[in-house]
Protein backbone atom coordinates (compact mmCIF):
# COMPACT_ATOMS: atom_id res chain seq x y z
CA MET A 1 7.51 13.26 39.67
CA THR A 2 8.24 14.87 42.99
CA SER A 3 8.34 12.40 45.87
CA SER A 4 7.70 12.82 49.55
CA ALA A 5 10.02 11.64 52.30
CA GLU A 6 8.11 8.37 52.54
CA GLY A 7 8.71 7.63 48.88
CA GLY A 8 5.17 8.33 47.73
CA PRO A 9 4.05 11.02 45.34
CA GLY A 10 4.43 14.58 46.47
CA PRO A 11 1.46 16.84 47.18
CA GLU A 12 1.41 18.28 43.65
CA GLU A 13 1.20 14.74 42.26
CA SER A 14 -1.57 13.45 44.54
CA PHE A 15 -4.13 13.82 41.75
CA ARG A 16 -2.53 10.82 40.05
CA ASP A 17 -3.68 8.58 42.91
CA SER A 18 -7.32 8.71 41.78
CA LEU A 19 -9.53 9.13 38.74
CA GLY A 20 -11.95 11.98 38.20
CA ILE A 21 -14.72 9.48 37.48
CA VAL A 22 -14.33 7.69 40.83
CA SER A 23 -15.47 9.18 44.14
CA GLN A 24 -13.56 8.96 47.41
CA GLU A 25 -15.83 6.06 48.37
CA GLY A 26 -14.78 4.17 45.22
CA LYS A 27 -18.12 4.60 43.46
CA ARG A 28 -18.81 5.84 39.95
CA ARG A 29 -18.94 9.62 39.80
CA TRP A 30 -21.17 10.80 37.00
CA LEU A 31 -19.78 13.71 35.06
CA PHE A 32 -21.92 16.58 33.85
CA PRO A 33 -19.52 18.84 31.94
CA LYS A 34 -20.51 22.36 31.11
CA ALA A 35 -21.32 22.90 27.43
CA PRO A 36 -18.19 24.28 25.72
CA ARG A 37 -18.32 27.40 23.56
CA GLY A 38 -15.63 29.07 21.53
CA ARG A 39 -13.62 29.01 18.33
CA PHE A 40 -12.15 25.54 18.82
CA HIS A 41 -15.55 24.08 19.63
CA ARG A 42 -17.04 25.62 16.50
CA ALA A 43 -14.19 24.14 14.46
CA ARG A 44 -14.77 20.73 16.04
CA ILE A 45 -18.47 20.95 15.22
CA ALA A 46 -17.59 21.59 11.57
CA VAL A 47 -15.11 18.69 11.49
CA SER A 48 -17.56 16.36 13.25
CA ALA A 49 -20.37 17.32 10.88
CA LEU A 50 -18.14 16.50 7.93
CA LEU A 51 -17.12 13.15 9.46
CA LEU A 52 -20.73 12.23 10.23
CA LEU A 53 -21.76 13.21 6.71
CA ILE A 54 -19.04 10.94 5.33
CA LEU A 55 -19.99 8.08 7.67
CA PHE A 56 -23.70 8.13 6.84
CA GLY A 57 -23.35 9.20 3.20
CA VAL A 58 -20.59 6.99 1.80
CA PRO A 59 -22.68 3.75 1.80
CA PHE A 60 -25.02 5.39 -0.73
CA ILE A 61 -22.16 6.16 -3.16
CA THR A 62 -21.65 3.57 -5.86
CA ILE A 63 -19.34 3.25 -8.85
CA GLY A 64 -20.57 1.00 -11.63
CA ASN A 65 -23.27 -0.44 -9.33
CA HIS A 66 -20.60 -1.36 -6.78
CA PRO A 67 -20.06 0.25 -3.36
CA PHE A 68 -17.49 2.99 -2.96
CA PHE A 69 -16.38 1.33 0.29
CA LEU A 70 -17.08 -2.22 1.45
CA PHE A 71 -15.51 -4.19 4.28
CA ASN A 72 -16.97 -7.66 3.82
CA PHE A 73 -14.46 -9.66 5.80
CA LEU A 74 -16.81 -12.63 6.02
CA GLN A 75 -16.53 -13.16 2.27
CA ARG A 76 -12.97 -11.78 2.17
CA LYS A 77 -13.91 -8.89 -0.08
CA LEU A 78 -12.65 -5.36 0.42
CA ILE A 79 -13.63 -2.39 -1.77
CA LEU A 80 -11.74 0.88 -1.38
CA PHE A 81 -12.55 3.89 -3.56
CA GLY A 82 -14.47 1.64 -5.95
CA THR A 83 -11.56 -0.82 -6.40
CA VAL A 84 -12.02 -4.39 -5.20
CA PHE A 85 -9.32 -6.16 -3.20
CA GLY A 86 -9.41 -9.89 -2.51
CA PRO A 87 -7.37 -12.42 -0.50
CA HIS A 88 -4.61 -12.13 -3.14
CA ASP A 89 -4.16 -8.48 -2.10
CA PHE A 90 -3.66 -9.27 1.58
CA TYR A 91 -0.07 -8.04 1.43
CA LEU A 92 -1.35 -4.60 0.38
CA VAL A 93 -3.86 -4.54 3.25
CA GLY A 94 -1.19 -5.63 5.72
CA LEU A 95 1.24 -3.00 4.47
CA SER A 96 -1.50 -0.35 4.68
CA VAL A 97 -2.22 -1.32 8.30
CA ILE A 98 1.48 -1.11 9.20
CA THR A 99 1.73 2.28 7.47
CA GLY A 100 -1.33 3.50 9.37
CA ILE A 101 0.12 2.39 12.71
CA ILE A 102 3.44 4.13 12.00
CA PHE A 103 1.52 7.25 10.98
CA ILE A 104 -0.45 7.23 14.25
CA ILE A 105 2.77 6.78 16.22
CA LEU A 106 4.47 9.66 14.39
CA PHE A 107 1.38 11.82 14.70
CA THR A 108 1.22 11.16 18.45
CA VAL A 109 4.92 11.82 18.97
CA VAL A 110 4.54 15.24 17.34
CA PHE A 111 0.95 16.29 18.07
CA GLY A 112 -0.14 14.16 21.03
CA ARG A 113 -3.76 12.97 21.15
CA LEU A 114 -5.03 15.30 18.46
CA PHE A 115 -6.74 12.30 16.85
CA CYS A 116 -8.74 11.62 20.03
CA GLY A 117 -10.15 15.11 20.31
CA TRP A 118 -11.03 15.72 16.67
CA ILE A 119 -11.48 12.46 14.74
CA CYS A 120 -11.99 9.51 17.11
CA PRO A 121 -15.52 8.06 16.59
CA GLN A 122 -16.03 7.68 20.34
CA THR A 123 -15.35 11.37 20.93
CA VAL A 124 -17.32 12.55 17.90
CA PHE A 125 -20.41 10.56 18.85
CA MET A 126 -20.14 11.20 22.60
CA GLU A 127 -19.44 14.93 22.53
CA MET A 128 -21.11 16.01 19.29
CA VAL A 129 -24.18 13.76 19.23
CA PHE A 130 -25.14 12.18 22.54
CA ARG A 131 -23.87 14.99 24.77
CA LYS A 132 -25.85 17.44 22.62
CA ILE A 133 -28.94 15.28 23.19
CA ASP A 134 -28.33 15.60 26.94
CA TYR A 135 -28.24 19.40 26.73
CA PHE A 136 -31.33 19.49 24.49
CA VAL A 137 -33.50 17.18 26.61
CA GLU A 138 -32.28 17.71 30.18
CA GLY A 139 -30.80 21.21 30.09
CA ASP A 140 -27.35 22.51 31.03
CA HIS A 141 -24.85 20.69 33.25
CA ARG A 142 -26.39 21.93 36.49
CA ALA A 143 -29.89 20.90 35.41
CA GLN A 144 -28.60 17.45 34.46
CA ALA A 145 -26.99 17.00 37.88
CA ARG A 146 -30.15 18.14 39.66
CA LEU A 147 -32.29 15.80 37.56
CA ARG A 148 -30.11 12.79 38.35
CA ALA A 149 -30.14 13.59 42.08
CA SER A 150 -33.93 14.12 42.17
CA SER A 151 -36.51 11.45 42.93
CA TRP A 152 -38.39 9.66 40.16
CA ASN A 153 -41.25 12.03 39.49
CA GLY A 154 -43.21 12.67 36.30
CA THR A 155 -40.73 15.20 34.90
CA LYS A 156 -37.75 12.92 35.43
CA ILE A 157 -39.52 9.91 33.90
CA VAL A 158 -40.53 11.87 30.80
CA ARG A 159 -37.13 13.49 30.25
CA LYS A 160 -35.20 10.29 30.83
CA SER A 161 -37.56 8.29 28.61
CA VAL A 162 -37.30 10.80 25.76
CA LYS A 163 -33.52 10.95 26.04
CA TYR A 164 -33.02 7.20 26.08
CA LEU A 165 -35.47 6.67 23.21
CA ILE A 166 -33.41 9.10 21.12
CA TYR A 167 -30.27 7.27 22.26
CA ALA A 168 -31.77 3.96 21.12
CA ALA A 169 -32.78 5.38 17.74
CA PHE A 170 -29.29 6.77 17.09
CA SER A 171 -27.66 3.53 18.24
CA PHE A 172 -29.85 1.54 15.85
CA LEU A 173 -29.01 3.96 13.03
CA ILE A 174 -25.28 3.62 13.70
CA ALA A 175 -25.50 -0.19 13.76
CA ASN A 176 -27.36 -0.26 10.43
CA THR A 177 -24.89 2.17 8.88
CA LEU A 178 -21.95 -0.01 9.89
CA LEU A 179 -23.79 -3.04 8.49
CA ALA A 180 -24.08 -1.18 5.16
CA TYR A 181 -20.29 -1.02 5.06
CA VAL A 182 -20.20 -4.82 5.40
CA VAL A 183 -22.97 -6.01 3.08
CA GLY A 184 -23.60 -2.94 0.91
CA ILE A 185 -26.53 -0.53 0.83
CA GLU A 186 -28.60 -2.58 -1.62
CA GLU A 187 -28.33 -5.69 0.52
CA LEU A 188 -29.21 -3.59 3.58
CA ARG A 189 -32.34 -2.29 1.87
CA LYS A 190 -33.29 -5.86 1.10
CA LEU A 191 -32.72 -6.90 4.72
CA VAL A 192 -34.80 -4.00 6.01
CA SER A 193 -37.71 -4.76 3.67
CA GLU A 194 -37.82 -8.47 4.52
CA PRO A 195 -39.01 -10.10 7.75
CA PRO A 196 -36.22 -10.53 10.34
CA ALA A 197 -36.72 -14.30 10.26
CA ASN A 198 -35.36 -14.38 6.68
CA ASN A 199 -32.02 -12.99 7.84
CA ILE A 200 -31.92 -13.88 11.50
CA GLY A 201 -28.12 -13.82 11.70
CA LEU A 202 -27.69 -10.27 10.40
CA PHE A 203 -30.73 -9.06 12.31
CA THR A 204 -29.25 -10.44 15.53
CA ALA A 205 -25.95 -8.74 14.75
CA VAL A 206 -27.65 -5.36 14.20
CA VAL A 207 -29.62 -5.67 17.43
CA GLY A 208 -26.50 -6.75 19.31
CA PHE A 209 -24.41 -3.84 18.06
CA SER A 210 -27.29 -1.44 18.74
CA VAL A 211 -27.36 -2.62 22.35
CA VAL A 212 -23.59 -2.24 22.64
CA PHE A 213 -23.65 1.31 21.25
CA TYR A 214 -26.59 2.23 23.48
CA TRP A 215 -24.78 0.88 26.55
CA ILE A 216 -21.55 2.71 25.68
CA PHE A 217 -23.15 6.11 25.14
CA SER A 218 -25.81 5.92 27.85
CA TRP A 219 -23.79 4.35 30.68
CA PHE A 220 -20.12 3.63 29.90
CA ARG A 221 -19.51 7.03 28.24
CA GLU A 222 -16.13 8.61 29.08
CA GLN A 223 -14.92 5.37 30.69
CA ALA A 224 -14.31 4.03 27.18
CA CYS A 225 -11.50 6.58 26.78
CA ILE A 226 -10.15 6.34 30.31
CA LEU A 227 -10.36 2.62 31.09
CA VAL A 228 -10.50 0.75 27.78
CA CYS A 229 -8.83 2.66 24.95
CA PRO A 230 -5.23 1.44 24.52
CA TYR A 231 -4.25 4.53 22.55
CA GLY A 232 -4.37 6.71 25.66
CA ARG A 233 -1.87 4.44 27.38
CA LEU A 234 0.53 4.80 24.47
CA GLN A 235 1.09 8.37 25.58
CA GLY A 236 3.46 7.17 28.27
CA VAL A 237 5.93 5.84 25.69
CA LEU A 238 5.19 8.10 22.73
CA LEU A 239 4.99 11.58 24.24
CA ASP A 240 8.04 13.54 25.28
CA ARG A 241 8.65 17.14 26.32
CA ASN A 242 8.66 18.24 22.67
CA SER A 243 5.23 16.76 21.82
CA ILE A 244 2.46 19.27 21.13
CA VAL A 245 -0.38 18.70 23.61
CA ILE A 246 -3.05 20.79 25.29
CA ALA A 247 -1.03 22.32 28.09
CA TYR A 248 -1.43 24.84 30.88
CA ASP A 249 1.20 27.58 30.89
CA HIS A 250 2.27 27.31 34.52
CA VAL A 251 5.08 29.82 33.97
CA ARG A 252 2.54 32.50 33.17
CA GLY A 253 -0.33 31.23 35.33
CA GLU A 254 1.31 30.51 38.68
CA PRO A 255 0.90 31.32 41.47
CA ARG A 256 -2.85 31.13 41.22
CA GLY A 257 -5.06 33.58 43.03
CA LYS A 258 -8.64 34.79 43.03
CA MET A 259 -9.47 38.00 41.21
CA ARG A 260 -10.22 40.77 43.70
CA ARG A 261 -11.73 44.09 42.76
CA ASP A 262 -9.72 47.27 43.30
CA GLN A 263 -6.64 45.32 44.36
CA GLU A 264 -3.31 45.20 42.54
CA ARG A 265 -2.71 41.69 41.25
CA THR A 266 0.62 40.12 42.21
CA GLU A 267 -0.22 36.50 41.34
CA GLY A 268 -0.11 34.78 37.96
CA ASP A 269 -2.79 35.03 35.28
CA CYS A 270 -4.73 31.99 36.52
CA ILE A 271 -7.56 33.27 38.74
CA ASP A 272 -8.51 29.73 39.85
CA CYS A 273 -12.00 30.04 38.39
CA HIS A 274 -12.23 26.27 37.83
CA GLN A 275 -13.96 26.76 34.46
CA CYS A 276 -11.42 24.51 32.70
CA VAL A 277 -12.42 21.71 35.08
CA GLU A 278 -16.17 22.29 34.70
CA VAL A 279 -16.07 21.85 30.91
CA CYS A 280 -13.76 18.80 30.90
CA PRO A 281 -15.64 15.70 29.65
CA THR A 282 -13.30 13.37 31.59
CA GLY A 283 -13.28 15.35 34.84
CA ILE A 284 -9.60 16.31 35.06
CA ASP A 285 -7.81 19.52 35.94
CA ILE A 286 -5.56 20.35 32.99
CA ARG A 287 -3.46 22.56 35.26
CA ASN A 288 -2.00 19.38 36.78
CA GLY A 289 -0.18 18.63 33.53
CA THR A 290 -0.46 15.93 30.87
CA GLN A 291 -2.74 13.14 32.06
CA LEU A 292 -3.94 9.82 30.69
CA GLU A 293 -7.58 10.96 30.86
CA CYS A 294 -7.08 14.02 28.62
CA VAL A 295 -8.50 13.48 25.13
CA ASN A 296 -7.38 16.87 23.78
CA CYS A 297 -10.95 18.03 23.17
CA THR A 298 -9.99 21.77 23.46
CA ALA A 299 -12.96 22.56 25.74
CA CYS A 300 -10.60 23.91 28.42
CA ILE A 301 -8.87 26.17 25.87
CA ASP A 302 -12.15 27.82 24.86
CA SER A 303 -13.26 28.18 28.47
CA CYS A 304 -9.96 29.72 29.60
CA ASP A 305 -9.80 32.06 26.61
CA ALA A 306 -13.25 33.39 27.52
CA ILE A 307 -12.07 34.09 31.07
CA MET A 308 -8.89 35.78 29.82
CA ASP A 309 -10.99 38.02 27.57
CA GLY A 310 -13.12 38.95 30.57
CA ILE A 311 -10.19 39.97 32.78
CA LYS A 312 -8.34 41.68 29.91
CA LYS A 313 -5.48 39.19 29.79
CA PRO A 314 -3.92 37.60 26.67
CA ARG A 315 -5.42 34.35 25.46
CA GLY A 316 -3.41 31.15 25.50
CA LEU A 317 -3.00 30.42 29.21
CA ILE A 318 -4.18 26.96 28.14
CA ARG A 319 -3.16 26.17 24.56
CA TYR A 320 -1.56 23.71 22.18
CA ALA A 321 2.08 23.67 23.26
CA SER A 322 4.92 21.40 24.31
CA ALA A 323 6.41 21.21 27.79
CA ASN A 324 9.70 22.60 26.50
CA GLY A 325 7.81 25.25 24.57
CA ILE A 326 6.30 26.54 27.81
CA THR A 327 9.41 26.38 29.99
CA GLN A 328 12.02 27.30 27.38
CA GLY A 329 10.00 29.18 24.79
CA THR A 330 11.13 26.83 22.01
CA GLY A 331 9.00 25.80 19.04
CA PHE A 332 8.77 22.52 17.19
CA ARG A 333 12.01 20.51 17.07
CA TRP A 334 13.08 17.66 14.81
CA THR A 335 14.14 15.11 17.40
CA ALA A 336 15.82 11.79 16.58
CA ARG A 337 12.54 9.94 17.15
CA VAL A 338 10.58 12.22 14.83
CA ILE A 339 13.24 11.92 12.12
CA GLY A 340 13.34 8.12 12.48
CA TYR A 341 9.56 7.66 12.36
CA THR A 342 9.31 10.08 9.44
CA ALA A 343 11.95 8.18 7.46
CA VAL A 344 10.24 4.83 8.06
CA LEU A 345 6.84 6.27 7.22
CA THR A 346 8.16 7.84 4.02
CA VAL A 347 9.62 4.52 2.87
CA LEU A 348 6.40 2.65 3.65
CA ILE A 349 4.25 5.19 1.82
CA ALA A 350 6.59 5.08 -1.19
CA VAL A 351 6.55 1.27 -1.32
CA LEU A 352 2.76 1.14 -0.90
CA THR A 353 2.27 3.78 -3.61
CA ILE A 354 4.48 1.90 -6.06
CA LEU A 355 2.68 -1.39 -5.39
CA LEU A 356 -0.72 0.24 -5.90
CA ILE A 357 0.39 1.91 -9.14
CA ARG A 358 1.81 -1.33 -10.48
CA ARG A 359 -1.26 -3.33 -9.48
CA THR A 360 -3.06 -4.56 -12.62
CA PRO A 361 -6.69 -5.75 -12.89
CA LEU A 362 -5.44 -9.01 -14.37
CA ASP A 363 -2.41 -10.79 -12.95
CA VAL A 364 -1.22 -13.20 -15.66
CA THR A 365 1.63 -15.69 -15.51
CA VAL A 366 2.87 -17.49 -18.63
CA LEU A 367 5.50 -20.20 -18.17
CA ARG A 368 6.74 -22.83 -20.56
CA THR A 369 5.44 -26.25 -19.49
CA PRO A 370 8.24 -28.02 -17.56
CA GLY A 371 9.76 -31.13 -19.15
CA MET A 372 8.51 -30.44 -22.67
CA MET A 373 10.67 -29.49 -25.64
CA PHE A 374 9.51 -28.02 -28.94
CA GLN A 375 7.22 -29.82 -31.37
CA GLU A 376 7.63 -29.80 -35.14
CA LEU A 377 4.44 -29.07 -37.09
CA PRO A 378 3.68 -29.25 -40.82
CA ASP A 379 4.68 -26.36 -43.08
CA ASP A 380 7.97 -25.85 -41.22
CA ARG A 381 6.38 -24.57 -38.04
CA ILE A 382 7.55 -25.09 -34.46
CA SER A 383 5.36 -25.01 -31.34
CA ASN A 384 5.92 -24.72 -27.60
CA VAL A 385 3.40 -25.50 -24.84
CA TYR A 386 2.91 -22.92 -22.06
CA ASP A 387 1.00 -22.95 -18.78
CA VAL A 388 -1.17 -19.87 -18.29
CA LYS A 389 -2.47 -18.68 -14.90
CA VAL A 390 -4.88 -15.72 -14.81
CA LEU A 391 -5.92 -13.97 -11.57
CA ASN A 392 -8.93 -11.73 -12.21
CA LYS A 393 -9.05 -8.88 -9.67
CA MET A 394 -12.08 -7.17 -11.21
CA PHE A 395 -15.77 -7.32 -10.30
CA ASN A 396 -16.92 -9.19 -13.43
CA ASP A 397 -15.85 -12.20 -15.45
CA VAL A 398 -13.44 -11.11 -18.17
CA PRO A 399 -12.73 -12.71 -21.60
CA VAL A 400 -8.96 -13.05 -21.89
CA ASN A 401 -7.17 -13.01 -25.23
CA LEU A 402 -3.48 -13.71 -25.79
CA ARG A 403 -1.65 -12.48 -28.86
CA LEU A 404 1.95 -12.83 -29.94
CA LEU A 405 3.32 -9.30 -30.26
CA ALA A 406 6.87 -10.23 -31.29
CA PRO A 407 8.10 -12.01 -33.37
CA ALA A 408 5.46 -12.92 -35.95
CA GLY A 409 3.58 -16.07 -34.99
CA GLU A 410 0.39 -17.49 -33.54
CA VAL A 411 -1.13 -18.29 -30.17
CA GLU A 412 -3.56 -21.19 -29.96
CA ILE A 413 -5.58 -21.63 -26.78
CA VAL A 414 -6.07 -25.22 -25.74
CA GLY A 415 -9.70 -25.94 -24.94
CA GLY A 416 -11.25 -22.83 -26.46
CA PRO A 417 -11.64 -19.16 -25.38
CA LEU A 418 -10.50 -18.11 -21.92
CA VAL A 419 -12.91 -16.44 -19.50
CA ALA A 420 -11.41 -15.43 -16.15
CA PRO A 421 -13.99 -15.56 -13.34
CA SER A 422 -14.21 -12.61 -10.97
CA GLN A 423 -11.88 -12.75 -7.95
CA ALA A 424 -10.65 -16.20 -8.90
CA VAL A 425 -7.71 -17.95 -10.54
CA MET A 426 -8.06 -19.64 -13.92
CA GLN A 427 -5.47 -22.01 -15.39
CA SER A 428 -5.10 -23.20 -18.97
CA LYS A 429 -2.55 -24.12 -21.63
CA ILE A 430 -1.62 -22.41 -24.87
CA LEU A 431 0.46 -23.26 -27.92
CA VAL A 432 2.81 -20.65 -29.33
CA VAL A 433 3.63 -21.39 -32.94
CA LEU A 434 6.52 -19.77 -34.85
CA PRO A 435 7.66 -20.33 -38.43
CA GLN A 436 10.97 -22.11 -38.73
CA ASP A 437 12.40 -19.15 -40.65
CA GLY A 438 11.90 -16.90 -37.62
CA ILE A 439 14.03 -19.04 -35.30
CA HIS A 440 17.71 -18.12 -35.29
CA ARG A 441 18.78 -19.55 -31.95
CA MET A 442 17.81 -22.25 -29.50
CA SER A 443 16.09 -19.78 -27.12
CA THR A 444 14.16 -17.06 -28.90
CA PRO A 445 12.75 -14.11 -26.90
CA ILE A 446 9.02 -13.61 -27.45
CA THR A 447 6.46 -11.07 -26.17
CA ILE A 448 2.87 -12.08 -25.49
CA GLY A 449 0.15 -9.45 -25.11
CA ILE A 450 -2.62 -10.06 -22.55
CA PHE A 451 -5.91 -8.49 -23.56
CA ALA A 452 -9.03 -8.08 -21.41
CA ASP A 453 -11.45 -8.48 -24.26
CA THR A 454 -9.79 -5.98 -26.65
CA VAL A 455 -7.87 -3.83 -24.17
CA LEU A 456 -4.16 -4.51 -23.70
CA ILE A 457 -3.58 -5.11 -19.99
CA GLN A 458 -0.12 -6.59 -19.74
CA LYS A 459 2.91 -7.60 -21.78
CA ILE A 460 4.78 -10.76 -20.82
CA SER A 461 8.27 -11.59 -22.04
CA THR A 462 9.39 -15.23 -22.13
CA THR A 463 11.44 -17.54 -24.34
CA PHE A 464 10.65 -20.00 -27.12
CA LEU A 465 12.71 -23.16 -27.65
CA GLY A 466 13.32 -24.39 -31.17
CA PRO A 467 15.95 -25.75 -33.59
CA VAL A 468 18.13 -23.26 -35.42
CA LYS A 469 17.34 -23.33 -39.17
CA GLN A 470 20.95 -23.83 -40.27
CA GLN A 471 21.36 -26.72 -37.85
CA LYS A 472 18.16 -28.30 -39.07
CA ASP A 473 19.27 -28.06 -42.75
CA HIS A 474 22.59 -29.61 -41.82
CA ASP A 475 20.81 -32.49 -40.09
CA ARG A 476 18.68 -33.08 -43.19
CA GLU A 477 21.75 -33.16 -45.44
CA GLN A 478 23.42 -35.67 -43.17
CA GLU A 479 20.32 -37.87 -43.21
CA HIS A 480 20.06 -37.61 -47.00
CA GLY A 481 23.77 -38.38 -47.46
CA GLY A 482 23.61 -41.36 -45.15
CA GLY A 483 20.69 -42.84 -47.07
CA HIS A 484 22.50 -42.43 -50.47
CA ASP A 485 25.58 -44.25 -49.22
């Protein structure tokens, strides 16, 4: 930052002393950006349409009568891609959150606020839904400004009423869609068909969120990105001169100058048309450099490219580029920060992938009961008692069978058949019985198969305590000899 003699910001930095949404008198300045047009805007429309289709369509997708996605934090149930996760999987959820945060950090270090301009729900809804409603009902940006400044006549009342009614309908639709992600689409249908008094809590929540969404998109609008969103403030510590952002090529564009007919141009390519400012949804001038308010929406790129086409100049005066890329002509560079974040992210993804692959629908623990030795049974058989703990991670109750896979023997379940309840832990005891002839040492390795009904889910290796046959025969001979004497 260039400083003046008094220690304050220099003239070229004076824009940082104020916000584009605040007037000189300190009042809210309403923004009426010009409707963007161009290749980037068409691409963003396609991406936004896909995201909205996913948002409103996924609640209707079910697998085996269960939601494809469900985020029921009240009942501590999470369903992702048709797989249920419970409190016992919290470590996976926590690791996924950490991985996501590292990914966002890495993504921002390399590509700036690309997420904000293309994927962020606030931007998608504001620019691709509610801003489109503004253009449809009230007209272009100039007509919107004139309508707001005009007195309350019949035309203004009708247009404003229609616009805000559409706003309210979309806000209510969004709130119900988000509720479907919490309770499921079937439960939502039930709530909609019943009187509100039967589900007053959920009904109040839907109304409350509808009001919040309506307030954000009808009044708060771009202030959510500028004043509230913490992600924008992360730019100060995450971005560097190698980060790819939407940037103005000051090397090519300066000095600015108006386009004059029949006069040889000696200035830079920027003709100071102000079109990049008119289309900006947060009211900034991108030519001032990277700013907190910029959400990387690409509207200024499309607008500038159209002007460059008109004056027969190359496109890209405003483009995706890094500060070093503009001043030094360098491309992407693997900096120490990028390498470090990439290494950490790679490790986290690898660990998370391994844990997900190794995750089984039944988590079974079999341990020999502490403090108990072997028991001798008739017909030269030996038994051990084991504690069994079964965690059922599936949607339904599951019959659990245990079989001795090696060596030959039997498993007897104490108390009858085992049925593991859904998303719960079941504990029981079993007896493992081996013939005396199969025991050749004090601690015999055994393998127990865990079956969900008839499907083998898991193999558990443990040990079986018992007397060695030769030692037992020797003990019998000693007892017999002692009795004869």
